[in-house]
Structure formats: C-alpha cells, structure tokens
C-alpha cells in the first residue's frame, strides 16, 4: 500500500526526502493555507512524479482541508449529511490529516459525499474504509452504494446496495462479513441479487475479485461457522448444488423462509453439526396472518425435526426467544 504523508513531515537533504532518518517512499501531500497544491510521488527519497490531486482524480475542482468544509444537519430525504464551503453546497475534494499522515479524502458533488476513502494514520498506508455512492438526484433510475472496510490489512466487511426508483423490483442489498482468514462468516442478501453482485467499484483497491461470483470461485470462501440472512430459496439451492457449503460445521439461517424441500436438502451437508434456524416472531396484531405463520412454522418444525432425527445435526428453531419445537411439535415429538 502507498504511504500518504504531509510534505512538511519530511526532511529535505539535498533534494532527498527523509522520514525519521529513512529515505521515504510514498506520496507527500503539499497543502498550504488549507489547500492542496501538489502531491509528490517519492521513491527512495527522490521525487519521481507529481500531480495536483490525491487518491481521487479531479478536473480543476476545489481541493481543501476538511476544516474549511462545514457539515449540516442530517437530511432524512437524502439519508445523508450535506456539506458546505463558503456558505454554498460544496463541490470538490476535502482532505483529513492526522499525526502527520493523510487519513482520508472525500469527493463532494453539490454538497453530498459521493466517494470517500480513509486510511489508518499510522504510516503504513493501510486502507481502513472505502465508500462510493452513485446518487441519482433526478430519481429516474436508482442509487448505488458500496462500502468496504479493512482491519490490519485484512478485509472485514463489504456492503453493496441498489435503490430502484423505477419500480422494476431491482432494489437489492448484499452484506458480507469476513473472519481473520478473509473467509465469509456472515452473508445477507435481500431482494434483487443481480443488481448488487458487483462488490468492488474500482480496480485500485488491491483486491483479487470484483464480483460476488469471483469471490465464490475461491476455494473454501465460506468459514466453517456461517450465518446466512434473508437469502432467496433458489440462490441457496444453487450454492448447495455447487458444493459451496459442504465444509460448513455450524450454520445459522435467519429469516430465510425456505420451502420444505430445501430444508430436507440440508442433509447433504455431511460436515454440518449444528443448525440454528430463526424466523420472524408471530404477528401479535393480525390474527389471520399469525395463524398462517403458525401453519407454516409447524410444517417447518416437522421438517427440521425429521432432518435432525435422520442426521447428526443438532437443530434449534426459534424467533430469538420462543422455541418453536416446544411450541408447535406434537407432544410425542417434543425434545
């Protein structure tokens, strides 16, 4: 990763730049009077190139320190905080600095942050967070958002979101959480999966994949203990067919609403030892809907009980509080 530092933190010795008596390699941000003038590319102490922008390329935009940009009150329509500069909605870039290093950059358009990147300000250049938004101000197509987070050079979280303004049912949301081995240990997939399957919106984030399919092609991408939320029945069956879940030992399924055949197919997961199956609580105000829920949960309880009896899987079936095995199974089957 590139180390990004304030130019005034470097010592110039006969046109060689040092940091703590070591020849510096990285990028040095020359910002004076709260404005960015130049970014110098330095290798082994020598300037090898320069440009008038940092991480985000600009075309003559204003480039200022973050202390000159003012945040407003949260806007519930835009679901974000607006930013102003000299009393007007800000279009340009602002930069954050901490302990002599660049800690973040943000690109604003008409007062709204559309791209934002932050780094750990420890001199390593490690990425901390990247966010990008494609805001459809006219609300004629849709908004897209990405958020990626790292800890100690290890990818920890990815979110991809699409909000459809055309009522074509393409709104979608995908969230992935990773363990220390960069295996997925939690996945949430809501609504239209295809519209959120692009996970990495640019090529310079030093990741070995772009899409969710690229990620799934990696060997043992899922952790042995996996939590799955809100996935569609069809997509889950595709994962079963591809053998992507064969190594799973502990599986949590939350709000998935699988059909009975899919529940039965969980017996294919021969490594599976525990299964936590969680559903919505019974509706407390609509009695007709609650009765339909109860009928559905009773059928699922029987299917899950049968799965447990014919496998080595220890299964719980709850809404987070109520044990539906105890509530819905016939007396002779209750555990």
Protein backbone atom coordinates (compact mmCIF):
# COMPACT_ATOMS: atom_id res chain seq x y z
CA UNK A 1 0.00 0.00 0.00
CA UNK A 2 1.06 3.58 -0.65
CA UNK A 3 2.05 5.64 2.41
CA UNK A 4 0.48 9.11 2.24
CA UNK A 5 2.11 11.77 4.39
CA UNK A 6 2.12 15.54 4.76
CA UNK A 7 5.09 17.04 2.91
CA UNK A 8 6.08 19.11 5.95
CA UNK A 9 6.75 15.87 7.86
CA UNK A 10 9.68 15.04 5.57
CA UNK A 11 13.22 16.40 5.86
CA UNK A 12 14.82 17.60 2.62
CA UNK A 13 18.50 16.79 2.46
CA UNK A 14 19.99 17.88 -0.88
CA UNK A 15 16.72 17.04 -2.65
CA UNK A 16 16.44 13.66 -0.95
CA UNK A 17 13.45 13.31 1.36
CA UNK A 18 13.76 11.51 4.70
CA UNK A 19 11.27 10.46 7.33
CA UNK A 20 12.82 9.65 10.71
CA UNK A 21 16.24 9.46 9.02
CA UNK A 22 14.99 6.87 6.49
CA UNK A 23 14.70 7.58 2.78
CA UNK A 24 10.97 7.98 2.19
CA UNK A 25 8.91 6.03 -0.35
CA UNK A 26 5.29 7.02 -0.85
CA UNK A 27 3.29 10.13 -1.61
CA UNK A 28 3.71 13.52 0.05
CA UNK A 29 0.77 15.96 0.14
CA UNK A 30 1.83 19.61 -0.11
CA UNK A 31 -1.07 21.54 1.41
CA UNK A 32 -0.66 25.15 2.41
CA UNK A 33 -3.22 27.71 3.59
CA UNK A 34 -5.67 24.80 3.92
CA UNK A 35 -5.49 23.98 0.20
CA UNK A 36 -3.85 21.09 -1.64
CA UNK A 37 -1.26 22.31 -4.13
CA UNK A 38 0.59 19.19 -5.20
CA UNK A 39 1.09 15.53 -4.40
CA UNK A 40 4.66 14.29 -4.90
CA UNK A 41 5.42 10.69 -5.78
CA UNK A 42 8.65 9.76 -3.99
CA UNK A 43 10.77 6.62 -4.33
CA UNK A 44 13.81 6.03 -2.11
CA UNK A 45 13.84 9.72 -1.22
CA UNK A 46 13.69 11.07 -4.79
CA UNK A 47 10.69 12.79 -6.36
CA UNK A 48 9.71 10.69 -9.36
CA UNK A 49 6.45 12.42 -10.30
CA UNK A 50 3.76 14.80 -9.18
CA UNK A 51 0.11 15.66 -9.74
CA UNK A 52 -2.44 18.13 -8.38
CA UNK A 53 -4.73 15.57 -6.71
CA UNK A 54 -4.52 12.73 -4.22
CA UNK A 55 -6.36 9.41 -4.42
CA UNK A 56 -9.34 10.81 -6.31
CA UNK A 57 -8.57 12.40 -9.66
CA UNK A 58 -10.15 15.80 -10.27
CA UNK A 59 -10.69 18.22 -13.11
CA UNK A 60 -9.95 21.66 -11.70
CA UNK A 61 -12.08 21.15 -8.59
CA UNK A 62 -11.53 22.96 -5.31
CA UNK A 63 -9.24 20.92 -3.01
CA UNK A 64 -9.23 22.00 0.63
CA UNK A 65 -8.56 20.72 4.14
CA UNK A 66 -11.64 19.31 5.85
CA UNK A 67 -11.65 22.05 8.49
CA UNK A 68 -12.87 24.52 5.83
CA UNK A 69 -15.88 22.36 4.95
CA UNK A 70 -18.90 22.51 7.23
CA UNK A 71 -21.41 19.74 7.81
CA UNK A 72 -25.12 20.44 8.15
CA UNK A 73 -27.98 18.62 9.84
CA UNK A 74 -28.87 15.10 8.77
CA UNK A 75 -31.13 15.12 5.70
CA UNK A 76 -33.73 12.36 6.00
CA UNK A 77 -34.69 12.60 2.32
CA UNK A 78 -31.13 12.08 1.09
CA UNK A 79 -30.30 9.91 4.11
CA UNK A 80 -27.01 11.74 4.49
CA UNK A 81 -25.30 14.87 5.83
CA UNK A 82 -24.81 17.86 3.46
CA UNK A 83 -21.56 19.83 3.30
CA UNK A 84 -20.99 23.50 2.53
CA UNK A 85 -17.97 25.61 1.67
CA UNK A 86 -18.05 29.41 1.91
CA UNK A 87 -21.77 29.14 2.60
CA UNK A 88 -22.64 27.15 -0.52
CA UNK A 89 -23.13 23.42 -1.24
CA UNK A 90 -19.63 22.07 -1.73
CA UNK A 91 -18.38 20.58 -4.98
CA UNK A 92 -14.77 19.49 -4.74
CA UNK A 93 -12.49 17.45 -2.52
CA UNK A 94 -11.58 17.75 1.12
CA UNK A 95 -8.75 16.01 2.96
CA UNK A 96 -8.26 14.82 6.52
CA UNK A 97 -4.83 14.68 8.17
CA UNK A 98 -3.85 13.10 11.47
CA UNK A 99 -0.46 12.81 13.17
CA UNK A 100 1.28 13.97 10.01
CA UNK A 101 -0.36 11.43 7.69
CA UNK A 102 -3.29 11.59 5.29
CA UNK A 103 -6.22 9.87 7.00
CA UNK A 104 -8.93 10.44 4.41
CA UNK A 105 -10.22 12.04 1.24
CA UNK A 106 -13.78 12.81 0.20
CA UNK A 107 -15.27 13.89 -3.12
CA UNK A 108 -18.40 16.05 -2.83
CA UNK A 109 -20.88 16.93 -5.57
CA UNK A 110 -23.46 19.62 -4.83
CA UNK A 111 -22.93 19.19 -1.11
CA UNK A 112 -23.09 15.38 -0.94
CA UNK A 113 -20.19 12.99 -0.46
CA UNK A 114 -20.12 10.59 -3.42
CA UNK A 115 -16.71 8.99 -2.85
CA UNK A 116 -14.80 8.64 0.40
CA UNK A 117 -11.64 6.78 1.37
CA UNK A 118 -9.87 6.59 4.72
CA UNK A 119 -6.53 5.17 5.82
CA UNK A 120 -5.06 4.11 9.14
CA UNK A 121 -2.93 7.14 10.11
CA UNK A 122 -0.02 5.04 11.33
CA UNK A 123 2.45 5.41 8.48
CA UNK A 124 1.69 2.03 6.90
CA UNK A 125 -0.67 3.21 4.15
CA UNK A 126 -3.16 0.53 5.11
CA UNK A 127 -6.72 1.01 3.93
CA UNK A 128 -9.39 1.45 6.58
CA UNK A 129 -12.57 2.15 4.63
CA UNK A 130 -13.76 2.92 1.12
CA UNK A 131 -17.23 4.18 0.23
CA UNK A 132 -18.70 5.16 -3.09
CA UNK A 133 -22.17 6.44 -3.95
CA UNK A 134 -23.80 6.99 -7.32
CA UNK A 135 -26.62 9.33 -6.40
CA UNK A 136 -29.48 9.70 -8.87
CA UNK A 137 -30.65 13.18 -7.92
CA UNK A 138 -33.43 13.04 -10.54
CA UNK A 139 -34.71 9.74 -9.06
CA UNK A 140 -35.27 8.29 -12.53
CA UNK A 141 -33.09 5.18 -12.33
CA UNK A 142 -31.58 4.36 -8.92
CA UNK A 143 -28.91 4.96 -6.30
CA UNK A 144 -25.89 2.66 -5.91
CA UNK A 145 -23.68 2.44 -2.86
CA UNK A 146 -20.60 0.46 -1.85
CA UNK A 147 -18.80 0.25 1.46
CA UNK A 148 -15.63 -1.79 2.11
CA UNK A 149 -13.77 -1.98 5.43
CA UNK A 150 -10.40 -3.40 6.47
CA UNK A 151 -8.62 -4.11 9.76
CA UNK A 152 -4.84 -4.60 9.79
CA UNK A 153 -4.73 -5.22 6.02
CA UNK A 154 -7.49 -7.82 6.33
CA UNK A 155 -10.81 -7.31 4.57
CA UNK A 156 -13.63 -7.34 7.13
CA UNK A 157 -16.82 -6.08 5.51
CA UNK A 158 -18.40 -5.37 2.14
CA UNK A 159 -21.80 -3.82 1.51
CA UNK A 160 -23.39 -3.27 -1.90
CA UNK A 161 -26.76 -1.57 -2.21
CA UNK A 162 -29.08 -0.53 -5.03
CA UNK A 163 -32.24 1.54 -4.57
CA UNK A 164 -34.56 1.27 -7.59
CA UNK A 165 -36.58 4.39 -8.42
CA UNK A 166 -38.37 2.87 -11.43
CA UNK A 167 -40.47 0.33 -9.50
CA UNK A 168 -38.95 -2.50 -11.53
CA UNK A 169 -38.20 -4.59 -8.41
CA UNK A 170 -34.42 -4.28 -8.77
CA UNK A 171 -33.76 -2.86 -5.31
CA UNK A 172 -31.18 -5.05 -3.59
CA UNK A 173 -28.75 -5.29 -0.70
CA UNK A 174 -25.73 -7.53 -0.12
CA UNK A 175 -23.57 -7.57 3.01
CA UNK A 176 -20.56 -9.80 3.65
CA UNK A 177 -18.59 -10.11 6.89
CA UNK A 178 -15.19 -11.82 6.94
CA UNK A 179 -13.14 -13.60 9.60
CA UNK A 180 -9.38 -13.21 10.13
CA UNK A 181 -8.72 -15.67 7.28
CA UNK A 182 -10.83 -13.49 4.94
CA UNK A 183 -13.48 -16.20 4.74
CA UNK A 184 -17.12 -15.14 4.71
CA UNK A 185 -18.73 -15.85 8.07
CA UNK A 186 -21.92 -13.88 7.52
CA UNK A 187 -23.85 -13.06 4.36
CA UNK A 188 -27.07 -11.07 3.91
CA UNK A 189 -28.78 -11.00 0.51
CA UNK A 190 -32.02 -9.09 0.13
CA UNK A 191 -34.20 -8.69 -2.95
CA UNK A 192 -32.54 -8.50 -6.39
CA UNK A 193 -29.15 -10.21 -6.05
CA UNK A 194 -28.02 -9.45 -9.63
CA UNK A 195 -28.11 -5.68 -9.11
CA UNK A 196 -25.76 -5.78 -6.11
CA UNK A 197 -23.35 -8.54 -7.16
CA UNK A 198 -20.64 -6.01 -8.13
CA UNK A 199 -18.67 -5.72 -4.90
CA UNK A 200 -15.61 -3.64 -5.84
CA UNK A 201 -16.40 -0.47 -7.85
CA UNK A 202 -12.79 0.36 -8.84
CA UNK A 203 -9.62 -1.51 -9.77
CA UNK A 204 -7.08 0.16 -7.45
CA UNK A 205 -8.30 -1.20 -4.10
CA UNK A 206 -5.85 -4.13 -4.32
CA UNK A 207 -8.46 -6.88 -4.10
CA UNK A 208 -8.33 -10.09 -6.12
CA UNK A 209 -12.02 -10.04 -7.09
CA UNK A 210 -14.65 -7.67 -8.44
CA UNK A 211 -17.95 -9.53 -8.22
CA UNK A 212 -19.59 -11.94 -5.80
CA UNK A 213 -19.17 -14.71 -8.38
CA UNK A 214 -15.41 -14.02 -8.42
CA UNK A 215 -15.41 -14.38 -4.66
CA UNK A 216 -17.42 -17.61 -4.69
CA UNK A 217 -14.89 -19.11 -7.12
CA UNK A 218 -12.26 -19.05 -4.36
CA UNK A 219 -11.68 -22.32 -2.54
CA UNK A 220 -13.34 -22.55 0.90
CA UNK A 221 -14.53 -18.96 0.74
CA UNK A 222 -17.13 -19.69 3.41
CA UNK A 223 -15.99 -20.13 7.01
CA UNK A 224 -16.82 -23.34 8.88
CA UNK A 225 -19.22 -21.32 11.01
CA UNK A 226 -21.54 -19.38 8.68
CA UNK A 227 -24.53 -17.12 9.24
CA UNK A 228 -26.89 -16.53 6.29
CA UNK A 229 -29.63 -13.91 6.40
CA UNK A 230 -32.55 -13.34 4.02
CA UNK A 231 -31.24 -15.36 1.07
CA UNK A 232 -33.70 -16.48 -1.60
CA UNK A 233 -34.60 -20.17 -1.70
CA UNK A 234 -33.38 -20.56 -5.31
CA UNK A 235 -29.96 -19.00 -4.73
CA UNK A 236 -29.36 -21.12 -1.63
CA UNK A 237 -30.16 -24.27 -3.62
CA UNK A 238 -27.63 -23.18 -6.25
CA UNK A 239 -24.98 -23.00 -3.53
CA UNK A 240 -25.96 -26.48 -2.38
CA UNK A 241 -25.69 -27.81 -5.95
CA UNK A 242 -22.25 -26.24 -6.37
CA UNK A 243 -20.99 -27.74 -3.11
CA UNK A 244 -20.09 -24.30 -1.72
CA UNK A 245 -21.41 -25.20 1.74
CA UNK A 246 -20.04 -28.73 2.05
CA UNK A 247 -17.41 -27.83 4.67
CA UNK A 248 -19.80 -25.89 6.93
CA UNK A 249 -19.93 -27.21 10.50
CA UNK A 250 -22.10 -24.59 12.22
CA UNK A 251 -24.84 -22.89 10.18
CA UNK A 252 -27.22 -20.12 11.18
CA UNK A 253 -30.18 -19.40 8.88
CA UNK A 254 -32.08 -16.22 9.73
CA UNK A 255 -35.30 -15.05 8.07
CA UNK A 256 -34.75 -17.24 5.01
CA UNK A 257 -38.25 -18.74 4.67
CA UNK A 258 -37.09 -21.92 2.91
CA UNK A 259 -39.54 -24.42 1.47
CA UNK A 260 -39.69 -27.92 2.94
CA UNK A 261 -37.66 -29.49 0.13
CA UNK A 262 -34.78 -27.10 0.75
CA UNK A 263 -34.84 -27.92 4.46
CA UNK A 264 -34.64 -31.62 3.60
CA UNK A 265 -31.68 -30.96 1.29
CA UNK A 266 -29.65 -29.70 4.26
CA UNK A 267 -28.93 -33.37 4.90
CA UNK A 268 -26.45 -33.10 2.01
CA UNK A 269 -24.18 -31.05 4.27
CA UNK A 270 -22.38 -34.00 5.82
CA UNK A 271 -19.97 -31.79 7.83
CA UNK A 272 -22.83 -29.89 9.46
CA UNK A 273 -23.02 -30.34 13.24
CA UNK A 274 -25.31 -27.52 14.40
CA UNK A 275 -28.12 -25.62 12.69
CA UNK A 276 -29.81 -22.52 14.10
CA UNK A 277 -32.99 -21.75 12.18
CA UNK A 278 -34.50 -18.38 13.10
CA UNK A 279 -37.73 -16.85 11.79
CA UNK A 280 -39.85 -13.76 12.44
CA UNK A 281 -41.94 -13.65 15.59
CA UNK A 282 -45.64 -14.41 15.25
CA UNK A 283 -47.68 -11.35 14.39
CA UNK A 284 -49.32 -10.00 17.54
CA UNK A 285 -51.86 -7.69 15.88
CA UNK A 286 -53.07 -9.50 12.74
CA UNK A 287 -54.53 -12.80 13.95
CA UNK A 288 -55.22 -14.08 10.43
CA UNK A 289 -51.60 -13.53 9.42
CA UNK A 290 -50.42 -15.03 12.70
CA UNK A 291 -52.37 -18.22 12.03
CA UNK A 292 -50.83 -18.51 8.55
CA UNK A 293 -47.39 -18.04 10.12
CA UNK A 294 -48.15 -20.72 12.68
CA UNK A 295 -49.19 -23.21 9.99
CA UNK A 296 -46.03 -22.51 8.02
CA UNK A 297 -43.80 -22.76 11.10
CA UNK A 298 -45.47 -26.00 12.17
CA UNK A 299 -44.62 -27.56 8.79
CA UNK A 300 -41.05 -26.29 9.06
CA UNK A 301 -40.77 -27.59 12.61
CA UNK A 302 -41.77 -31.07 11.43
CA UNK A 303 -39.29 -30.90 8.53
CA UNK A 304 -36.48 -29.72 10.81
CA UNK A 305 -37.31 -32.39 13.39
CA UNK A 306 -37.20 -35.06 10.69
CA UNK A 307 -33.84 -33.69 9.48
CA UNK A 308 -32.44 -33.88 13.00
CA UNK A 309 -33.70 -37.42 13.52
CA UNK A 310 -32.07 -38.63 10.31
CA UNK A 311 -28.73 -36.87 10.64
CA UNK A 312 -26.10 -35.88 13.19
CA UNK A 313 -27.23 -32.25 13.16
CA UNK A 314 -28.27 -30.52 16.38
CA UNK A 315 -31.05 -28.09 15.42
CA UNK A 316 -32.74 -25.16 17.17
CA UNK A 317 -35.83 -23.43 15.73
CA UNK A 318 -36.70 -20.06 17.28
CA UNK A 319 -37.59 -16.43 16.71
CA UNK A 320 -34.78 -15.47 19.07
CA UNK A 321 -36.96 -16.01 22.13
CA UNK A 322 -39.62 -18.68 21.52
CA UNK A 323 -38.63 -22.33 20.98
CA UNK A 324 -40.88 -23.39 18.11
CA UNK A 325 -40.07 -27.06 18.56
CA UNK A 326 -41.62 -26.85 22.01
CA UNK A 327 -44.50 -24.70 20.83
CA UNK A 328 -45.51 -26.41 17.59
CA UNK A 329 -44.43 -30.04 17.58
CA UNK A 330 -46.88 -32.74 18.76
CA UNK A 331 -46.36 -33.79 22.38
CA UNK A 332 -44.79 -37.11 21.40
CA UNK A 333 -42.10 -35.37 19.30
CA UNK A 334 -41.04 -32.62 21.65
CA UNK A 335 -37.41 -32.78 22.61
